[in-house]
Amino acid sequence: MFSRTNKPIKPRALKKGDTIRIVAPSSPFEKQPFWNGVTVLENLGFRVTYNESIFSKIPYLAGTDERRAREFIDALEESTSQAVLFARGGYGAMRLLPWLDKYLKNPVSKIVLGFSDVSCLLIYLMQKHHWVTFYGPVVAKEISVHHPQTIGSLTEQLSGYGNTHTYNTPGLITISEGQVTAPLVGGCLSLITSLLGTPYELDTKNKILFLEDTNEKPYEVDRLLTHLKLAGKLTTCKGLVFGTFSGPNPHEHYIETIRDVTRDLSIPIVYGFPSGHTAPKVTLPLGIGVTLNATDKTLTLLEPALA
């Protein structure tokens, strides 16, 4: 198996009637898709709450740093909600990290689920508070669209039904063969690279690293991966799971870029896991033990993500 310094803190599974709090730590969003997403969650049997200030807009942010930080901290510390979901990604979540250091005192263990720009918040909670977090859809985007497979994976993880599972993903491509077992960490490539050199950078040592992104050209993916590699983040991890890079080029161009940057790593590597900026998407728990079999093209969750 594998060893780790801290036992992960697992939130409890949601049941019908539980409360989901929605926050907006990043970019502003349109109201109608947001309300559509709220309706989807309510139809799944959950109660949904949010502050009216969530609709704040300043040029490219959903309100001031203070507004967004206090909203997120309140959602983490309140005992009246059992999960925190995000209105959307975009940009701005990184700016909240110093606020969390200063003001987040007594977070109440709960599901925190999102992707893209909020990768940094998931990483913060995982590394500082040892929480299991979830890489999955946001309310005003993917949940609003209500793709059956996306919602199915979301509800499986929220309820605990998908906590131990082997993903046999059609189209998953082996870049480097092998099998490894370790805790799974990761998120959006550009966000993870942006955290390098800060107190919040991702610890990848002896971990399986999941990376994905969108709207990046192959040379930009090369630059981001090379940055991670030079910082020691790829050379210390035990395996790599790439999502897709939905951008202006065919997948083959991204695959060749990844092959080139990682050819000297000698670890299991796959490309095309359907989580992140793709549709439909898998909701992926982060911080739990998994086995990556790059030869057989499978990813197995070895333990429940929820208590």
C-alpha atoms as a PDB file:
ATOM      1  CA  MET A   1       0.000   0.000   0.000  1.00  0.00           C
ATOM      2  CA  PHE A   2       1.278   3.491   0.788  1.00  0.00           C
ATOM      3  CA  SER A   3       2.096   5.634   3.780  1.00  0.00           C
ATOM      4  CA  ARG A   4       1.185   9.220   4.546  1.00  0.00           C
ATOM      5  CA  THR A   5       1.942  11.604   7.356  1.00  0.00           C
ATOM      6  CA  ASN A   6      -1.612  12.705   8.124  1.00  0.00           C
ATOM      7  CA  LYS A   7      -4.798  10.697   8.007  1.00  0.00           C
ATOM      8  CA  PRO A   8      -7.265  12.505   5.726  1.00  0.00           C
ATOM      9  CA  ILE A   9     -10.329  14.062   7.315  1.00  0.00           C
ATOM     10  CA  LYS A  10     -13.373  12.802   5.467  1.00  0.00           C
ATOM     11  CA  PRO A  11     -16.698  14.653   5.421  1.00  0.00           C
ATOM     12  CA  ARG A  12     -19.901  12.739   5.882  1.00  0.00           C
ATOM     13  CA  ALA A  13     -22.025  11.752   2.912  1.00  0.00           C
ATOM     14  CA  LEU A  14     -24.990  13.922   1.999  1.00  0.00           C
ATOM     15  CA  LYS A  15     -28.541  12.725   2.402  1.00  0.00           C
ATOM     16  CA  LYS A  16     -31.751  14.217   1.076  1.00  0.00           C
ATOM     17  CA  GLY A  17     -32.683  17.350   2.966  1.00  0.00           C
ATOM     18  CA  ASP A  18     -29.074  18.344   3.672  1.00  0.00           C
ATOM     19  CA  THR A  19     -27.969  21.888   2.884  1.00  0.00           C
ATOM     20  CA  ILE A  20     -25.539  22.896   0.145  1.00  0.00           C
ATOM     21  CA  ARG A  21     -24.014  26.371   0.447  1.00  0.00           C
ATOM     22  CA  ILE A  22     -22.953  28.042  -2.805  1.00  0.00           C
ATOM     23  CA  VAL A  23     -20.141  30.601  -2.875  1.00  0.00           C
ATOM     24  CA  ALA A  24     -18.432  32.677  -5.580  1.00  0.00           C
ATOM     25  CA  PRO A  25     -14.714  33.145  -4.837  1.00  0.00           C
ATOM     26  CA  SER A  26     -13.687  33.821  -8.431  1.00  0.00           C
ATOM     27  CA  SER A  27     -15.346  35.447 -11.446  1.00  0.00           C
ATOM     28  CA  PRO A  28     -18.905  36.798 -11.755  1.00  0.00           C
ATOM     29  CA  PHE A  29     -21.550  34.755 -13.551  1.00  0.00           C
ATOM     30  CA  GLU A  30     -24.932  35.038 -15.215  1.00  0.00           C
ATOM     31  CA  LYS A  31     -27.956  34.676 -12.958  1.00  0.00           C
ATOM     32  CA  GLN A  32     -30.126  32.419 -15.121  1.00  0.00           C
ATOM     33  CA  PRO A  33     -27.617  29.557 -15.463  1.00  0.00           C
ATOM     34  CA  PHE A  34     -26.946  29.875 -11.733  1.00  0.00           C
ATOM     35  CA  TRP A  35     -30.640  29.571 -10.904  1.00  0.00           C
ATOM     36  CA  ASN A  36     -30.908  26.623 -13.289  1.00  0.00           C
ATOM     37  CA  GLY A  37     -28.097  24.912 -11.399  1.00  0.00           C
ATOM     38  CA  VAL A  38     -29.761  25.633  -8.070  1.00  0.00           C
ATOM     39  CA  THR A  39     -32.939  24.000  -9.382  1.00  0.00           C
ATOM     40  CA  VAL A  40     -30.991  20.899 -10.420  1.00  0.00           C
ATOM     41  CA  LEU A  41     -29.567  20.558  -6.900  1.00  0.00           C
ATOM     42  CA  GLU A  42     -32.963  21.124  -5.305  1.00  0.00           C
ATOM     43  CA  ASN A  43     -34.483  18.479  -7.561  1.00  0.00           C
ATOM     44  CA  LEU A  44     -31.851  16.058  -6.273  1.00  0.00           C
ATOM     45  CA  GLY A  45     -33.361  16.563  -2.817  1.00  0.00           C
ATOM     46  CA  PHE A  46     -30.969  19.111  -1.318  1.00  0.00           C
ATOM     47  CA  ARG A  47     -31.641  22.470   0.278  1.00  0.00           C
ATOM     48  CA  VAL A  48     -29.575  25.247  -1.322  1.00  0.00           C
ATOM     49  CA  THR A  49     -28.475  28.498   0.319  1.00  0.00           C
ATOM     50  CA  TYR A  50     -26.390  31.474  -0.806  1.00  0.00           C
ATOM     51  CA  ASN A  51     -25.939  35.145   0.035  1.00  0.00           C
ATOM     52  CA  GLU A  52     -27.413  37.754  -2.296  1.00  0.00           C
ATOM     53  CA  SER A  53     -23.967  39.346  -2.401  1.00  0.00           C
ATOM     54  CA  ILE A  54     -22.892  36.353  -4.481  1.00  0.00           C
ATOM     55  CA  PHE A  55     -24.112  38.305  -7.547  1.00  0.00           C
ATOM     56  CA  SER A  56     -21.601  41.112  -6.952  1.00  0.00           C
ATOM     57  CA  LYS A  57     -19.552  42.205  -9.954  1.00  0.00           C
ATOM     58  CA  ILE A  58     -16.406  44.226 -10.290  1.00  0.00           C
ATOM     59  CA  PRO A  59     -14.579  44.023 -13.608  1.00  0.00           C
ATOM     60  CA  TYR A  60     -13.538  40.348 -13.524  1.00  0.00           C
ATOM     61  CA  LEU A  61     -14.330  39.318  -9.951  1.00  0.00           C
ATOM     62  CA  ALA A  62     -17.489  38.426  -8.043  1.00  0.00           C
ATOM     63  CA  GLY A  63     -16.969  41.314  -5.643  1.00  0.00           C
ATOM     64  CA  THR A  64     -14.065  42.464  -3.512  1.00  0.00           C
ATOM     65  CA  ASP A  65     -11.506  40.104  -2.010  1.00  0.00           C
ATOM     66  CA  GLU A  66     -13.017  40.755   1.410  1.00  0.00           C
ATOM     67  CA  ARG A  67     -16.539  39.888   0.248  1.00  0.00           C
ATOM     68  CA  ARG A  68     -15.439  36.690  -1.462  1.00  0.00           C
ATOM     69  CA  ALA A  69     -13.138  35.610   1.356  1.00  0.00           C
ATOM     70  CA  ARG A  70     -15.641  36.237   4.140  1.00  0.00           C
ATOM     71  CA  GLU A  71     -18.344  34.399   2.200  1.00  0.00           C
ATOM     72  CA  PHE A  72     -16.108  31.340   1.769  1.00  0.00           C
ATOM     73  CA  ILE A  73     -14.877  31.397   5.368  1.00  0.00           C
ATOM     74  CA  ASP A  74     -18.455  31.708   6.648  1.00  0.00           C
ATOM     75  CA  ALA A  75     -19.484  28.729   4.513  1.00  0.00           C
ATOM     76  CA  LEU A  76     -16.627  26.628   5.911  1.00  0.00           C
ATOM     77  CA  GLU A  77     -17.271  27.567   9.538  1.00  0.00           C
ATOM     78  CA  GLU A  78     -21.064  27.391   9.659  1.00  0.00           C
ATOM     79  CA  SER A  79     -22.668  24.248  11.067  1.00  0.00           C
ATOM     80  CA  THR A  80     -25.884  24.669   9.074  1.00  0.00           C
ATOM     81  CA  SER A  81     -24.506  23.438   5.730  1.00  0.00           C
ATOM     82  CA  GLN A  82     -23.063  20.045   4.890  1.00  0.00           C
ATOM     83  CA  ALA A  83     -21.406  20.910   1.557  1.00  0.00           C
ATOM     84  CA  VAL A  84     -19.878  23.906  -0.224  1.00  0.00           C
ATOM     85  CA  LEU A  85     -20.156  24.198  -4.005  1.00  0.00           C
ATOM     86  CA  PHE A  86     -18.956  27.013  -6.238  1.00  0.00           C
ATOM     87  CA  ALA A  87     -20.943  29.214  -8.598  1.00  0.00           C
ATOM     88  CA  ARG A  88     -18.170  29.128 -11.204  1.00  0.00           C
ATOM     89  CA  GLY A  89     -14.416  29.283 -11.720  1.00  0.00           C
ATOM     90  CA  GLY A  90     -12.672  31.908 -13.815  1.00  0.00           C
ATOM     91  CA  TYR A  91     -10.138  33.920 -11.827  1.00  0.00           C
ATOM     92  CA  GLY A  92      -9.645  35.287  -8.336  1.00  0.00           C
ATOM     93  CA  ALA A  93      -9.566  32.405  -5.860  1.00  0.00           C
ATOM     94  CA  MET A  94      -5.795  32.661  -5.323  1.00  0.00           C
ATOM     95  CA  ARG A  95      -6.261  36.137  -3.898  1.00  0.00           C
ATOM     96  CA  LEU A  96      -8.221  34.641  -0.988  1.00  0.00           C
ATOM     97  CA  LEU A  97      -5.444  32.395   0.341  1.00  0.00           C
ATOM     98  CA  PRO A  98      -3.915  34.997   2.718  1.00  0.00           C
ATOM     99  CA  TRP A  99      -7.405  35.723   4.034  1.00  0.00           C
ATOM    100  CA  LEU A 100      -7.852  32.032   4.865  1.00  0.00           C
ATOM    101  CA  ASP A 101      -4.545  32.002   6.736  1.00  0.00           C
ATOM    102  CA  LYS A 102      -5.584  35.014   8.795  1.00  0.00           C
ATOM    103  CA  TYR A 103      -9.281  34.469   9.420  1.00  0.00           C
ATOM    104  CA  LEU A 104     -10.227  30.783   8.970  1.00  0.00           C
ATOM    105  CA  LYS A 105     -10.193  29.494  12.552  1.00  0.00           C
ATOM    106  CA  ASN A 106     -12.734  26.714  13.038  1.00  0.00           C
ATOM    107  CA  PRO A 107     -13.743  25.046   9.766  1.00  0.00           C
ATOM    108  CA  VAL A 108     -16.435  22.393  10.092  1.00  0.00           C
ATOM    109  CA  SER A 109     -15.621  19.270   8.088  1.00  0.00           C
ATOM    110  CA  LYS A 110     -17.857  19.119   5.024  1.00  0.00           C
ATOM    111  CA  ILE A 111     -17.806  18.364   1.314  1.00  0.00           C
ATOM    112  CA  VAL A 112     -16.060  21.078  -0.729  1.00  0.00           C
ATOM    113  CA  LEU A 113     -16.432  20.518  -4.459  1.00  0.00           C
ATOM    114  CA  GLY A 114     -15.344  22.490  -7.517  1.00  0.00           C
ATOM    115  CA  PHE A 115     -12.647  22.730 -10.180  1.00  0.00           C
ATOM    116  CA  SER A 116     -10.541  25.034 -12.344  1.00  0.00           C
ATOM    117  CA  ASP A 117      -9.780  28.334 -10.564  1.00  0.00           C
ATOM    118  CA  VAL A 118     -10.811  26.952  -7.164  1.00  0.00           C
ATOM    119  CA  SER A 119      -8.110  24.264  -7.367  1.00  0.00           C
ATOM    120  CA  CYS A 120      -6.050  26.464  -5.041  1.00  0.00           C
ATOM    121  CA  LEU A 121      -8.812  26.427  -2.401  1.00  0.00           C
ATOM    122  CA  LEU A 122      -9.132  22.640  -2.600  1.00  0.00           C
ATOM    123  CA  ILE A 123      -5.355  22.306  -2.265  1.00  0.00           C
ATOM    124  CA  TYR A 124      -5.334  24.697   0.706  1.00  0.00           C
ATOM    125  CA  LEU A 125      -7.961  22.693   2.589  1.00  0.00           C
ATOM    126  CA  MET A 126      -6.264  19.404   1.738  1.00  0.00           C
ATOM    127  CA  GLN A 127      -2.777  20.486   2.798  1.00  0.00           C
ATOM    128  CA  LYS A 128      -3.477  22.764   5.773  1.00  0.00           C
ATOM    129  CA  HIS A 129      -6.538  21.019   7.222  1.00  0.00           C
ATOM    130  CA  HIS A 130      -6.036  17.529   5.733  1.00  0.00           C
ATOM    131  CA  TRP A 131      -9.511  17.479   4.213  1.00  0.00           C
ATOM    132  CA  VAL A 132     -10.545  15.197   1.388  1.00  0.00           C
ATOM    133  CA  THR A 133     -11.869  17.508  -1.331  1.00  0.00           C
ATOM    134  CA  PHE A 134     -13.635  16.907  -4.635  1.00  0.00           C
ATOM    135  CA  TYR A 135     -12.776  17.998  -8.178  1.00  0.00           C
ATOM    136  CA  GLY A 136     -16.128  18.378  -9.878  1.00  0.00           C
ATOM    137  CA  PRO A 137     -18.691  20.614 -11.609  1.00  0.00           C
ATOM    138  CA  VAL A 138     -19.732  24.160 -10.701  1.00  0.00           C
ATOM    139  CA  VAL A 139     -23.291  25.406 -10.332  1.00  0.00           C
ATOM    140  CA  ALA A 140     -23.657  28.030 -13.087  1.00  0.00           C
ATOM    141  CA  LYS A 141     -21.855  25.915 -15.669  1.00  0.00           C
ATOM    142  CA  GLU A 142     -21.874  22.101 -15.710  1.00  0.00           C
ATOM    143  CA  ILE A 143     -24.564  21.553 -13.064  1.00  0.00           C
ATOM    144  CA  SER A 144     -26.791  24.042 -14.874  1.00  0.00           C
ATOM    145  CA  VAL A 145     -26.351  22.116 -18.145  1.00  0.00           C
ATOM    146  CA  HIS A 146     -27.485  18.945 -16.321  1.00  0.00           C
ATOM    147  CA  HIS A 147     -25.617  16.347 -18.388  1.00  0.00           C
ATOM    148  CA  PRO A 148     -26.828  12.965 -17.039  1.00  0.00           C
ATOM    149  CA  GLN A 149     -23.339  11.454 -16.678  1.00  0.00           C
ATOM    150  CA  THR A 150     -21.921  14.563 -15.013  1.00  0.00           C
ATOM    151  CA  ILE A 151     -24.806  14.747 -12.540  1.00  0.00           C
ATOM    152  CA  GLY A 152     -24.666  10.986 -11.996  1.00  0.00           C
ATOM    153  CA  SER A 153     -20.992  11.084 -11.010  1.00  0.00           C
ATOM    154  CA  LEU A 154     -21.611  14.154  -8.833  1.00  0.00           C
ATOM    155  CA  THR A 155     -24.445  12.515  -6.889  1.00  0.00           C
ATOM    156  CA  GLU A 156     -22.492   9.270  -6.495  1.00  0.00           C
ATOM    157  CA  GLN A 157     -19.661  11.142  -4.803  1.00  0.00           C
ATOM    158  CA  LEU A 158     -21.916  13.386  -2.705  1.00  0.00           C
ATOM    159  CA  SER A 159     -23.878  10.403  -1.430  1.00  0.00           C
ATOM    160  CA  GLY A 160     -20.936   8.043  -1.010  1.00  0.00           C
ATOM    161  CA  TYR A 161     -22.093   5.459  -3.545  1.00  0.00           C
ATOM    162  CA  GLY A 162     -19.053   6.081  -5.756  1.00  0.00           C
ATOM    163  CA  ASN A 163     -16.466   6.039  -2.987  1.00  0.00           C
ATOM    164  CA  THR A 164     -14.651   2.860  -4.043  1.00  0.00           C
ATOM    165  CA  HIS A 165     -14.597   2.398  -7.762  1.00  0.00           C
ATOM    166  CA  THR A 166     -12.429   1.393 -10.707  1.00  0.00           C
ATOM    167  CA  TYR A 167     -12.587   3.725 -13.693  1.00  0.00           C
ATOM    168  CA  ASN A 168     -12.175   1.861 -16.975  1.00  0.00           C
ATOM    169  CA  THR A 169     -12.219   4.946 -19.155  1.00  0.00           C
ATOM    170  CA  PRO A 170     -12.733   4.513 -22.912  1.00  0.00           C
ATOM    171  CA  GLY A 171     -10.160   6.511 -24.794  1.00  0.00           C
ATOM    172  CA  LEU A 172      -7.646   6.685 -21.946  1.00  0.00           C
ATOM    173  CA  ILE A 173      -4.181   6.690 -23.518  1.00  0.00           C
ATOM    174  CA  THR A 174      -1.087   5.146 -21.968  1.00  0.00           C
ATOM    175  CA  ILE A 175       1.940   7.413 -22.200  1.00  0.00           C
ATOM    176  CA  SER A 176       4.153   5.359 -19.879  1.00  0.00           C
ATOM    177  CA  GLU A 177       3.256   1.890 -18.585  1.00  0.00           C
ATOM    178  CA  GLY A 178       3.310   0.694 -15.002  1.00  0.00           C
ATOM    179  CA  GLN A 179       1.256   0.535 -11.815  1.00  0.00           C
ATOM    180  CA  VAL A 180       1.511   2.580  -8.639  1.00  0.00           C
ATOM    181  CA  THR A 181      -0.501   3.195  -5.476  1.00  0.00           C
ATOM    182  CA  ALA A 182      -0.425   6.543  -3.670  1.00  0.00           C
ATOM    183  CA  PRO A 183      -2.645   9.435  -2.541  1.00  0.00           C
ATOM    184  CA  LEU A 184      -4.213  11.397  -5.407  1.00  0.00           C
ATOM    185  CA  VAL A 185      -3.646  15.160  -5.582  1.00  0.00           C
ATOM    186  CA  GLY A 186      -3.889  17.778  -8.296  1.00  0.00           C
ATOM    187  CA  GLY A 187      -6.201  20.054 -10.228  1.00  0.00           C
ATOM    188  CA  CYS A 188      -5.897  22.728 -12.886  1.00  0.00           C
ATOM    189  CA  LEU A 189      -2.381  22.850 -14.367  1.00  0.00           C
ATOM    190  CA  SER A 190      -2.098  26.628 -14.718  1.00  0.00           C
ATOM    191  CA  LEU A 191      -3.325  27.196 -11.144  1.00  0.00           C
ATOM    192  CA  ILE A 192      -0.953  24.625  -9.694  1.00  0.00           C
ATOM    193  CA  THR A 193       1.958  26.186 -11.571  1.00  0.00           C
ATOM    194  CA  SER A 194       0.920  29.646 -10.340  1.00  0.00           C
ATOM    195  CA  LEU A 195       1.259  28.446  -6.735  1.00  0.00           C
ATOM    196  CA  LEU A 196       4.950  27.578  -7.142  1.00  0.00           C
ATOM    197  CA  GLY A 197       7.208  29.668  -4.923  1.00  0.00           C
ATOM    198  CA  THR A 198       4.371  30.503  -2.531  1.00  0.00           C
ATOM    199  CA  PRO A 199       3.505  29.000   0.880  1.00  0.00           C
ATOM    200  CA  TYR A 200       0.544  27.336  -0.839  1.00  0.00           C
ATOM    201  CA  GLU A 201       2.318  25.310  -3.533  1.00  0.00           C
ATOM    202  CA  LEU A 202       1.199  21.719  -4.015  1.00  0.00           C
ATOM    203  CA  ASP A 203       3.211  18.946  -2.369  1.00  0.00           C
ATOM    204  CA  THR A 204       3.551  16.191  -4.979  1.00  0.00           C
ATOM    205  CA  LYS A 205       6.180  14.026  -3.268  1.00  0.00           C
ATOM    206  CA  ASN A 206       5.141  10.358  -3.373  1.00  0.00           C
ATOM    207  CA  LYS A 207       1.723  11.330  -4.762  1.00  0.00           C
ATOM    208  CA  ILE A 208      -0.175  10.511  -7.935  1.00  0.00           C
ATOM    209  CA  LEU A 209      -0.655  13.867  -9.646  1.00  0.00           C
ATOM    210  CA  PHE A 210      -3.769  14.733 -11.664  1.00  0.00           C
ATOM    211  CA  LEU A 211      -3.457  17.642 -14.109  1.00  0.00           C
ATOM    212  CA  GLU A 212      -5.824  19.189 -16.655  1.00  0.00           C
ATOM    213  CA  ASP A 213      -6.562  22.562 -18.204  1.00  0.00           C
ATOM    214  CA  THR A 214      -8.322  24.346 -21.035  1.00  0.00           C
ATOM    215  CA  ASN A 215      -7.578  26.890 -23.764  1.00  0.00           C
ATOM    216  CA  GLU A 216      -3.829  26.314 -23.568  1.00  0.00           C
ATOM    217  CA  LYS A 217      -1.812  25.747 -26.746  1.00  0.00           C
ATOM    218  CA  PRO A 218       0.658  22.821 -26.816  1.00  0.00           C
ATOM    219  CA  TYR A 219       3.675  25.096 -26.298  1.00  0.00           C
ATOM    220  CA  GLU A 220       1.906  26.686 -23.316  1.00  0.00           C
ATOM    221  CA  VAL A 221       1.263  23.247 -21.812  1.00  0.00           C
ATOM    222  CA  ASP A 222       4.944  22.467 -22.444  1.00  0.00           C
ATOM    223  CA  ARG A 223       5.971  25.631 -20.591  1.00  0.00           C
ATOM    224  CA  LEU A 224       3.693  24.905 -17.627  1.00  0.00           C
ATOM    225  CA  LEU A 225       4.814  21.275 -17.345  1.00  0.00           C
ATOM    226  CA  THR A 226       8.466  22.220 -17.744  1.00  0.00           C
ATOM    227  CA  HIS A 227       8.039  24.775 -14.948  1.00  0.00           C
ATOM    228  CA  LEU A 228       6.589  22.063 -12.686  1.00  0.00           C
ATOM    229  CA  LYS A 229       9.389  19.718 -13.689  1.00  0.00           C
ATOM    230  CA  LEU A 230      12.138  22.248 -12.975  1.00  0.00           C
ATOM    231  CA  ALA A 231      10.500  22.918  -9.593  1.00  0.00           C
ATOM    232  CA  GLY A 232      10.741  19.205  -8.762  1.00  0.00           C
ATOM    233  CA  LYS A 233       7.010  18.589  -8.793  1.00  0.00           C
ATOM    234  CA  LEU A 234       7.055  15.990 -11.591  1.00  0.00           C
ATOM    235  CA  THR A 235      10.296  14.290 -10.597  1.00  0.00           C
ATOM    236  CA  THR A 236       9.052  13.550  -7.065  1.00  0.00           C
ATOM    237  CA  CYS A 237       5.549  12.294  -7.864  1.00  0.00           C
ATOM    238  CA  LYS A 238       4.853   8.569  -8.338  1.00  0.00           C
ATOM    239  CA  GLY A 239       2.445   8.752 -11.271  1.00  0.00           C
ATOM    240  CA  LEU A 240       0.665  11.197 -13.564  1.00  0.00           C
ATOM    241  CA  VAL A 241      -2.977  11.239 -14.604  1.00  0.00           C
ATOM    242  CA  PHE A 242      -3.716  13.844 -17.245  1.00  0.00           C
ATOM    243  CA  GLY A 243      -7.204  14.987 -18.063  1.00  0.00           C
ATOM    244  CA  THR A 244      -7.739  16.599 -21.426  1.00  0.00           C
ATOM    245  CA  PHE A 245      -6.497  19.946 -22.701  1.00  0.00           C
ATOM    246  CA  SER A 246      -9.509  21.323 -24.523  1.00  0.00           C
ATOM    247  CA  GLY A 247      -7.836  23.938 -26.671  1.00  0.00           C
ATOM    248  CA  PRO A 248      -7.258  25.050 -30.235  1.00  0.00           C
ATOM    249  CA  ASN A 249      -5.219  21.965 -31.197  1.00  0.00           C
ATOM    250  CA  PRO A 250      -6.038  18.246 -31.663  1.00  0.00           C
ATOM    251  CA  HIS A 251      -5.495  15.974 -28.658  1.00  0.00           C
ATOM    252  CA  GLU A 252      -2.597  14.305 -30.479  1.00  0.00           C
ATOM    253  CA  HIS A 253      -0.584  17.521 -30.244  1.00  0.00           C
ATOM    254  CA  TYR A 254      -1.032  17.667 -26.460  1.00  0.00           C
ATOM    255  CA  ILE A 255      -0.217  13.974 -26.092  1.00  0.00           C
ATOM    256  CA  GLU A 256       3.044  14.414 -27.998  1.00  0.00           C
ATOM    257  CA  THR A 257       3.903  17.440 -25.863  1.00  0.00           C
ATOM    258  CA  ILE A 258       3.348  15.429 -22.678  1.00  0.00           C
ATOM    259  CA  ARG A 259       5.381  12.506 -24.035  1.00  0.00           C
ATOM    260  CA  ASP A 260       8.254  14.838 -24.801  1.00  0.00           C
ATOM    261  CA  VAL A 261       8.305  16.600 -21.424  1.00  0.00           C
ATOM    262  CA  THR A 262       7.858  13.404 -19.365  1.00  0.00           C
ATOM    263  CA  ARG A 263       9.930  10.894 -21.350  1.00  0.00           C
ATOM    264  CA  ASP A 264      12.675  10.716 -18.693  1.00  0.00           C
ATOM    265  CA  LEU A 265      10.412  10.312 -15.645  1.00  0.00           C
ATOM    266  CA  SER A 266       9.968   6.489 -15.655  1.00  0.00           C
ATOM    267  CA  ILE A 267       6.605   6.596 -13.878  1.00  0.00           C
ATOM    268  CA  PRO A 268       3.107   5.442 -14.950  1.00  0.00           C
ATOM    269  CA  ILE A 269       1.394   8.141 -17.030  1.00  0.00           C
ATOM    270  CA  VAL A 270      -2.006   8.269 -18.756  1.00  0.00           C
ATOM    271  CA  TYR A 271      -3.835  10.946 -20.739  1.00  0.00           C
ATOM    272  CA  GLY A 272      -7.544  11.596 -21.183  1.00  0.00           C
ATOM    273  CA  PHE A 273      -9.179  11.048 -17.789  1.00  0.00           C
ATOM    274  CA  PRO A 274     -12.601  12.759 -18.022  1.00  0.00           C
ATOM    275  CA  SER A 275     -12.466  15.207 -15.127  1.00  0.00           C
ATOM    276  CA  GLY A 276     -12.122  18.987 -15.204  1.00  0.00           C
ATOM    277  CA  HIS A 277     -12.636  21.012 -18.377  1.00  0.00           C
ATOM    278  CA  THR A 278     -14.465  18.318 -20.309  1.00  0.00           C
ATOM    279  CA  ALA A 279     -18.016  17.084 -20.742  1.00  0.00           C
ATOM    280  CA  PRO A 280     -19.330  14.860 -19.376  1.00  0.00           C
ATOM    281  CA  LYS A 281     -17.052  14.951 -16.348  1.00  0.00           C
ATOM    282  CA  VAL A 282     -16.214  12.637 -13.464  1.00  0.00           C
ATOM    283  CA  THR A 283     -16.240  14.060  -9.938  1.00  0.00           C
ATOM    284  CA  LEU A 284     -12.884  12.991  -8.544  1.00  0.00           C
ATOM    285  CA  PRO A 285     -12.038  12.838  -4.824  1.00  0.00           C
ATOM    286  CA  LEU A 286      -8.616  14.256  -3.944  1.00  0.00           C
ATOM    287  CA  GLY A 287      -6.550  13.237  -0.942  1.00  0.00           C
ATOM    288  CA  ILE A 288      -7.463   9.537  -0.833  1.00  0.00           C
ATOM    289  CA  GLY A 289      -5.474   6.472  -1.865  1.00  0.00           C
ATOM    290  CA  VAL A 290      -5.763   5.307  -5.455  1.00  0.00           C
ATOM    291  CA  THR A 291      -4.072   2.822  -7.754  1.00  0.00           C
ATOM    292  CA  LEU A 292      -3.093   3.950 -11.230  1.00  0.00           C
ATOM    293  CA  ASN A 293      -2.556   1.088 -13.671  1.00  0.00           C
ATOM    294  CA  ALA A 294      -1.301   2.817 -16.787  1.00  0.00           C
ATOM    295  CA  THR A 295      -0.795  -0.503 -18.566  1.00  0.00           C
ATOM    296  CA  ASP A 296      -4.449  -1.549 -18.149  1.00  0.00           C
ATOM    297  CA  LYS A 297      -5.656   2.072 -18.344  1.00  0.00           C
ATOM    298  CA  THR A 298      -7.509   2.057 -15.017  1.00  0.00           C
ATOM    299  CA  LEU A 299      -7.723   4.317 -11.977  1.00  0.00           C
ATOM    300  CA  THR A 300      -9.049   2.693  -8.795  1.00  0.00           C
ATOM    301  CA  LEU A 301     -10.281   4.535  -5.701  1.00  0.00           C
ATOM    302  CA  LEU A 302      -9.053   2.359  -2.834  1.00  0.00           C
ATOM    303  CA  GLU A 303     -10.952   3.867   0.064  1.00  0.00           C
ATOM    304  CA  PRO A 304     -14.135   5.791   0.771  1.00  0.00           C
ATOM    305  CA  ALA A 305     -13.835   9.548   0.350  1.00  0.00           C
ATOM    306  CA  LEU A 306     -16.681  10.143   2.810  1.00  0.00           C
ATOM    307  CA  ALA A 307     -17.109   9.133   6.424  1.00  0.00           C
END
